[in-house]
Amino acid sequence: MTAENRRFWELLGDTGRETLTALAERRVVKQAQRLCAEGTRSSTVLVVLSGDVRITSVTPDGREVLLAVRGAGDLVGELAAINSRPRSASVEALGMLEVLEVPGHRFTALCHRDPVVCWAVLRVTADRLMHADKHWQDVSGGSGLRRVAAQLVQLALERGVRRGDDVDIAVPATQDELAMTVAMSRTSWARATRDLRRQGVISTGRRQVTIHRMAELRRLAS
């Protein structure tokens, strides 16, 4: 994992992890259980230890939109603790999940007194802002094939496992959700992935994508 992709838990270091764990409650969460609800005033901060969560928001016309998927080592829900405002999104377990739950007031107090923890939060926030900027650049123009290629490159960076010359990605969302994140219909998204399969760039299975030609995928995404 590159420095740019280091997760919050890793950025803390041994001392920071021990300090945060002492303030937290370890919890096991079942699949589909909601941990945070959009619009509520809760300020609990989560650190994912294992498993994945989906972060969603509801649009003004009532559609649920996938904003992100977070996995082991990721920080979730910190904004509500920092700015004392209602939750901007909902968080739901994608499968069995283990998390650390830190009360919001304890988390913010720790950030005030511990520069290592504060710096880790800043790094995570900066990385996510840069990723959001890049994401909107990717989806704001170009063909559907380019958008899907850029999405798969990003998923490979975040979640890919190299197997020789290939990169395997355990896909953490449905086709509808993946299509929404790149501002496409499911039909258009499926057409683009079909084109990539036809070119031998990727192969797909149930919740699985294998990238066979990463250099070509990057070229298509540029």
Protein backbone atom coordinates (compact mmCIF):
# COMPACT_ATOMS: atom_id res chain seq x y z
CA MET A 1 0.00 0.00 0.00
CA THR A 2 1.40 3.39 -0.99
CA ALA A 3 1.76 6.32 1.39
CA GLU A 4 -1.15 8.02 -0.38
CA ASN A 5 -3.44 5.06 0.33
CA ARG A 6 -2.49 4.38 3.95
CA ARG A 7 -5.56 4.02 6.10
CA PHE A 8 -6.30 5.80 9.36
CA TRP A 9 -5.50 2.81 11.58
CA GLU A 10 -2.06 2.47 10.01
CA LEU A 11 -1.36 6.21 10.22
CA LEU A 12 -1.93 6.15 14.00
CA GLY A 13 1.06 3.93 14.73
CA ASP A 14 1.25 1.58 17.72
CA THR A 15 0.93 4.28 20.40
CA GLY A 16 -1.99 6.01 18.71
CA ARG A 17 -3.82 2.72 18.24
CA GLU A 18 -3.39 1.83 21.91
CA THR A 19 -4.61 5.26 23.01
CA LEU A 20 -7.69 5.17 20.79
CA THR A 21 -8.56 1.59 21.72
CA ALA A 22 -8.54 2.54 25.42
CA LEU A 23 -11.28 5.12 24.73
CA ALA A 24 -13.40 2.86 22.53
CA GLU A 25 -15.80 -0.05 22.73
CA ARG A 26 -15.20 -3.00 20.41
CA ARG A 27 -18.38 -4.14 18.70
CA VAL A 28 -19.40 -6.89 16.26
CA VAL A 29 -22.08 -5.85 13.78
CA LYS A 30 -24.30 -8.09 11.64
CA GLN A 31 -24.78 -7.71 7.89
CA ALA A 32 -27.20 -4.94 6.84
CA GLN A 33 -27.22 -3.43 10.33
CA ARG A 34 -27.22 0.37 10.26
CA LEU A 35 -24.56 2.08 12.35
CA CYS A 36 -25.39 5.73 11.56
CA ALA A 37 -28.49 7.33 10.09
CA GLU A 38 -28.45 10.42 7.88
CA GLY A 39 -29.90 13.49 9.60
CA THR A 40 -29.49 12.23 13.16
CA ARG A 41 -27.48 14.03 15.84
CA SER A 42 -25.32 11.11 16.95
CA SER A 43 -21.58 11.81 17.05
CA THR A 44 -20.05 8.37 17.59
CA VAL A 45 -16.88 7.82 15.57
CA LEU A 46 -16.11 4.40 14.10
CA VAL A 47 -12.88 2.67 13.13
CA VAL A 48 -13.47 -0.39 10.97
CA LEU A 49 -11.31 -3.31 12.14
CA SER A 50 -12.66 -5.93 9.72
CA GLY A 51 -15.34 -6.06 7.04
CA ASP A 52 -16.83 -3.27 4.93
CA VAL A 53 -19.47 -0.58 5.32
CA ARG A 54 -21.44 1.27 2.67
CA ILE A 55 -22.01 5.01 3.04
CA THR A 56 -25.17 6.31 1.40
CA SER A 57 -27.25 9.46 1.14
CA VAL A 58 -30.80 10.13 -0.02
CA THR A 59 -31.30 12.66 -2.82
CA PRO A 60 -34.12 15.26 -2.73
CA ASP A 61 -36.17 13.04 -5.09
CA GLY A 62 -35.85 10.07 -2.72
CA ARG A 63 -33.14 8.01 -4.44
CA GLU A 64 -30.48 6.35 -2.30
CA VAL A 65 -27.00 7.08 -3.66
CA LEU A 66 -23.83 5.19 -2.78
CA LEU A 67 -21.16 7.68 -1.70
CA ALA A 68 -18.35 5.37 -0.65
CA VAL A 69 -17.35 1.99 0.71
CA ARG A 70 -14.98 1.88 3.67
CA GLY A 71 -13.04 -1.14 4.84
CA ALA A 72 -10.61 -2.38 7.47
CA GLY A 73 -8.51 0.44 8.91
CA ASP A 74 -10.84 3.23 7.79
CA LEU A 75 -12.22 6.05 9.91
CA VAL A 76 -15.98 6.64 9.61
CA GLY A 77 -18.32 9.26 11.05
CA GLU A 78 -15.70 11.73 12.24
CA LEU A 79 -17.27 14.80 10.62
CA ALA A 80 -20.35 14.72 12.86
CA ALA A 81 -18.07 14.64 15.91
CA ILE A 82 -15.86 17.46 14.64
CA ASN A 83 -18.52 19.92 13.43
CA SER A 84 -21.38 18.94 15.79
CA ARG A 85 -23.84 18.85 12.90
CA PRO A 86 -26.36 16.15 11.92
CA ARG A 87 -25.07 13.12 10.07
CA SER A 88 -24.59 13.85 6.37
CA ALA A 89 -24.94 10.17 5.38
CA SER A 90 -25.98 6.73 6.59
CA VAL A 91 -23.57 3.88 7.31
CA GLU A 92 -24.53 0.20 6.94
CA ALA A 93 -22.60 -3.04 7.34
CA LEU A 94 -22.06 -4.90 4.06
CA GLY A 95 -21.30 -8.13 5.92
CA MET A 96 -20.17 -9.21 9.36
CA LEU A 97 -18.23 -6.30 10.75
CA GLU A 98 -15.97 -5.50 13.68
CA VAL A 99 -15.55 -1.87 14.69
CA LEU A 100 -14.24 0.35 17.44
CA GLU A 101 -16.86 2.85 18.61
CA VAL A 102 -15.55 6.06 20.17
CA PRO A 103 -17.93 8.61 21.71
CA GLY A 104 -17.67 11.85 19.77
CA HIS A 105 -16.61 13.99 22.72
CA ARG A 106 -13.79 11.59 23.58
CA PHE A 107 -12.60 11.54 19.99
CA THR A 108 -12.46 15.33 19.63
CA ALA A 109 -10.74 15.70 23.01
CA LEU A 110 -8.12 13.17 21.88
CA CYS A 111 -7.56 15.12 18.66
CA HIS A 112 -6.98 18.31 20.71
CA ARG A 113 -4.30 16.76 22.88
CA ASP A 114 -2.64 14.17 20.64
CA PRO A 115 -0.91 15.54 17.50
CA VAL A 116 -0.40 12.07 16.02
CA VAL A 117 -4.13 11.35 16.05
CA CYS A 118 -4.94 14.85 14.82
CA TRP A 119 -2.47 14.52 11.95
CA ALA A 120 -3.92 11.13 10.98
CA VAL A 121 -7.40 12.66 10.80
CA LEU A 122 -6.07 15.54 8.67
CA ARG A 123 -4.30 13.11 6.31
CA VAL A 124 -7.46 11.04 5.86
CA THR A 125 -9.57 14.15 5.26
CA ALA A 126 -7.10 15.56 2.73
CA ASP A 127 -6.87 12.24 0.86
CA ARG A 128 -10.66 11.99 0.65
CA LEU A 129 -11.01 15.55 -0.63
CA MET A 130 -8.40 14.89 -3.31
CA HIS A 131 -10.15 11.65 -4.24
CA ALA A 132 -13.51 13.47 -4.46
CA ASP A 133 -11.99 16.08 -6.78
CA LYS A 134 -10.49 13.37 -8.99
CA HIS A 135 -13.75 11.43 -8.99
CA TRP A 136 -15.77 14.38 -10.24
CA GLN A 137 -13.19 15.06 -12.91
CA ASP A 138 -13.56 11.44 -14.03
CA VAL A 139 -17.38 11.50 -14.18
CA SER A 140 -17.85 15.03 -15.49
CA GLY A 141 -16.97 14.18 -19.07
CA GLY A 142 -15.79 11.56 -21.49
CA SER A 143 -17.32 8.31 -22.60
CA GLY A 144 -18.94 5.72 -20.41
CA LEU A 145 -15.99 3.43 -21.10
CA ARG A 146 -13.60 6.07 -19.72
CA ARG A 147 -15.69 6.54 -16.59
CA VAL A 148 -15.86 2.82 -15.84
CA ALA A 149 -12.15 2.39 -16.56
CA ALA A 150 -11.33 5.20 -14.12
CA GLN A 151 -13.62 3.65 -11.51
CA LEU A 152 -11.95 0.24 -11.83
CA VAL A 153 -8.46 1.77 -11.62
CA GLN A 154 -9.48 3.48 -8.37
CA LEU A 155 -11.00 0.29 -6.96
CA ALA A 156 -7.79 -1.55 -7.84
CA LEU A 157 -5.74 1.02 -5.94
CA GLU A 158 -8.02 0.83 -2.90
CA ARG A 159 -8.95 -2.85 -2.79
CA GLY A 160 -6.98 -4.76 -5.43
CA VAL A 161 -4.92 -7.86 -4.69
CA ARG A 162 -2.16 -8.65 -7.18
CA ARG A 163 -2.04 -12.24 -8.51
CA GLY A 164 0.96 -12.38 -10.81
CA ASP A 165 0.18 -10.02 -13.70
CA ASP A 166 -3.50 -9.74 -12.72
CA VAL A 167 -5.26 -7.68 -10.08
CA ASP A 168 -8.31 -9.15 -8.32
CA ILE A 169 -10.95 -6.83 -6.88
CA ALA A 170 -13.68 -7.98 -4.50
CA VAL A 171 -16.41 -5.57 -5.64
CA PRO A 172 -18.12 -4.04 -2.59
CA ALA A 173 -21.32 -2.82 -4.28
CA THR A 174 -24.08 -3.78 -6.70
CA GLN A 175 -24.04 -2.83 -10.39
CA ASP A 176 -26.72 -0.21 -9.73
CA GLU A 177 -24.59 1.38 -7.00
CA LEU A 178 -21.41 1.30 -9.07
CA ALA A 179 -23.25 2.88 -11.99
CA MET A 180 -24.63 5.66 -9.79
CA THR A 181 -21.18 6.59 -8.50
CA VAL A 182 -20.05 7.39 -12.06
CA ALA A 183 -23.32 9.08 -13.08
CA MET A 184 -24.40 6.34 -15.47
CA SER A 185 -27.38 4.07 -15.89
CA ARG A 186 -26.95 0.42 -15.04
CA THR A 187 -27.41 -0.46 -18.74
CA SER A 188 -24.63 1.90 -19.84
CA TRP A 189 -22.33 0.69 -17.06
CA ALA A 190 -22.92 -2.95 -18.03
CA ARG A 191 -22.25 -2.10 -21.70
CA ALA A 192 -18.90 -0.52 -20.80
CA THR A 193 -17.80 -3.49 -18.70
CA ARG A 194 -18.87 -5.80 -21.52
CA ASP A 195 -16.63 -3.85 -23.90
CA LEU A 196 -13.73 -4.17 -21.45
CA ARG A 197 -14.28 -7.92 -21.21
CA ARG A 198 -14.41 -8.20 -25.01
CA GLN A 199 -11.05 -6.43 -25.24
CA GLY A 200 -9.52 -8.80 -22.69
CA VAL A 201 -8.86 -5.96 -20.25
CA ILE A 202 -10.95 -7.48 -17.46
CA SER A 203 -12.97 -10.56 -16.58
CA THR A 204 -15.86 -10.59 -14.13
CA GLY A 205 -17.61 -12.93 -11.74
CA ARG A 206 -20.11 -12.53 -8.94
CA ARG A 207 -18.94 -9.47 -6.97
CA GLN A 208 -15.49 -9.99 -8.53
CA VAL A 209 -13.47 -8.18 -11.20
CA THR A 210 -10.04 -9.31 -12.39
CA ILE A 211 -7.93 -6.79 -14.28
CA HIS A 212 -5.67 -8.51 -16.81
CA ARG A 213 -4.24 -5.47 -18.59
CA MET A 214 -3.76 -2.69 -16.07
CA ALA A 215 -1.70 -0.49 -18.40
CA GLU A 216 -4.48 -0.55 -20.98
CA LEU A 217 -7.12 0.17 -18.34
CA ARG A 218 -5.14 3.19 -17.19
CA ARG A 219 -4.84 4.37 -20.79
CA LEU A 220 -8.59 4.09 -21.28
CA ALA A 221 -9.16 6.00 -18.04
CA SER A 222 -6.91 8.91 -19.00
